[in-house]
Amino acid sequence: MFQRDCGATTGFSTQISVLESGDPLSGGGNTFRADDDHGAARIGAWGGSWAEMNWLSTDQLLIRYAANSRLFEQDTDVSGVEIIYEVVGD
């Protein structure tokens, strides 16, 4: 999980990538990308829309994210890993 700042006129985005061990991070998140939709969603300590992730098993990842986040990417399967999403809050 990482955040990206795209300049003075946009907020921070929260991004999550699922990669093989040792693979370099390249570009934006390949699994989940969201922002706070101009203050509508809860903010994380890093300045982007709040999210957290937990591995449920070697091939299942739970991503929890703030309600009212503006979603740009929300994949449900990446490289054989099932991604489960849960919205948190109102």
Protein backbone atom coordinates (compact mmCIF):
# COMPACT_ATOMS: atom_id res chain seq x y z
CA MET A 1 0.00 0.00 0.00
CA PHE A 2 1.28 3.45 -0.89
CA GLN A 3 0.04 6.96 -1.54
CA ARG A 4 0.54 9.07 -4.60
CA ASP A 5 0.46 12.87 -4.90
CA CYS A 6 -0.30 14.08 -8.40
CA GLY A 7 0.23 17.78 -7.81
CA ALA A 8 -1.08 20.90 -6.13
CA THR A 9 -4.58 20.75 -7.64
CA THR A 10 -5.34 17.15 -6.61
CA GLY A 11 -5.40 15.29 -3.30
CA PHE A 12 -3.41 12.23 -2.32
CA SER A 13 -4.59 8.87 -3.58
CA THR A 14 -4.30 5.54 -1.79
CA GLN A 15 -3.03 2.69 -3.94
CA ILE A 16 -2.47 -1.03 -3.39
CA SER A 17 -0.48 -3.39 -5.61
CA VAL A 18 -0.16 -7.17 -5.42
CA LEU A 19 3.29 -8.17 -6.67
CA GLU A 20 5.57 -11.18 -6.57
CA SER A 21 8.34 -10.94 -3.97
CA GLY A 22 11.20 -8.93 -5.43
CA ASP A 23 9.15 -7.37 -8.24
CA PRO A 24 9.65 -3.61 -8.49
CA LEU A 25 6.71 -1.25 -8.06
CA SER A 26 5.95 0.25 -11.44
CA GLY A 27 3.38 2.97 -12.03
CA GLY A 28 0.09 3.11 -10.16
CA GLY A 29 -1.50 0.49 -7.99
CA ASN A 30 -2.53 -2.65 -9.88
CA THR A 31 -5.25 -3.73 -7.45
CA PHE A 32 -6.89 -0.75 -5.73
CA ARG A 33 -6.80 3.01 -6.28
CA ALA A 34 -8.98 5.57 -4.49
CA ASP A 35 -9.04 9.14 -3.19
CA ASP A 36 -11.14 10.97 -0.61
CA ASP A 37 -13.41 12.59 -3.23
CA HIS A 38 -12.60 16.13 -2.12
CA GLY A 39 -13.01 15.46 1.59
CA ALA A 40 -16.07 13.17 1.42
CA ALA A 41 -14.19 10.11 2.78
CA ARG A 42 -12.15 9.51 5.91
CA ILE A 43 -8.45 10.37 5.52
CA GLY A 44 -5.56 8.10 6.53
CA ALA A 45 -2.44 9.31 8.36
CA TRP A 46 -0.62 9.56 4.99
CA GLY A 47 -3.14 12.09 3.60
CA GLY A 48 -5.03 9.81 1.22
CA SER A 49 -8.34 8.00 1.59
CA TRP A 50 -8.19 5.61 4.56
CA ALA A 51 -7.63 1.93 3.79
CA GLU A 52 -6.07 -1.13 5.39
CA MET A 53 -5.31 -4.63 4.19
CA ASN A 54 -4.97 -8.06 5.77
CA TRP A 55 -3.88 -11.34 4.25
CA LEU A 56 -6.55 -13.94 5.07
CA SER A 57 -4.49 -16.72 3.47
CA THR A 58 -1.72 -17.04 0.90
CA ASP A 59 -4.23 -16.41 -1.89
CA GLN A 60 -6.86 -14.15 -0.26
CA LEU A 61 -6.41 -10.47 0.59
CA LEU A 62 -8.98 -8.36 2.47
CA ILE A 63 -8.94 -4.65 1.66
CA ARG A 64 -11.04 -2.40 3.89
CA TYR A 65 -11.57 1.19 2.75
CA ALA A 66 -13.43 4.32 3.82
CA ALA A 67 -17.03 4.84 2.75
CA ASN A 68 -17.47 7.66 0.24
CA SER A 69 -14.04 7.07 -1.29
CA ARG A 70 -13.87 7.73 -5.01
CA LEU A 71 -12.72 4.44 -6.58
CA PHE A 72 -10.56 4.33 -9.69
CA GLU A 73 -9.62 0.64 -9.58
CA GLN A 74 -10.99 -2.25 -7.55
CA ASP A 75 -9.86 -5.58 -8.97
CA THR A 76 -11.13 -8.84 -7.49
CA ASP A 77 -8.37 -11.14 -8.77
CA VAL A 78 -4.71 -10.23 -9.31
CA SER A 79 -2.08 -12.85 -10.15
CA GLY A 80 -4.18 -15.64 -8.64
CA VAL A 81 -4.93 -13.71 -5.43
CA GLU A 82 -8.63 -13.24 -4.61
CA ILE A 83 -9.28 -9.69 -3.38
CA ILE A 84 -12.19 -9.17 -0.98
CA TYR A 85 -13.40 -5.63 -0.25
CA GLU A 86 -15.18 -4.19 2.75
CA VAL A 87 -16.47 -0.62 3.03
CA VAL A 88 -15.98 0.89 6.50
CA GLY A 89 -18.11 3.73 7.89
CA ASP A 90 -21.03 5.70 6.53
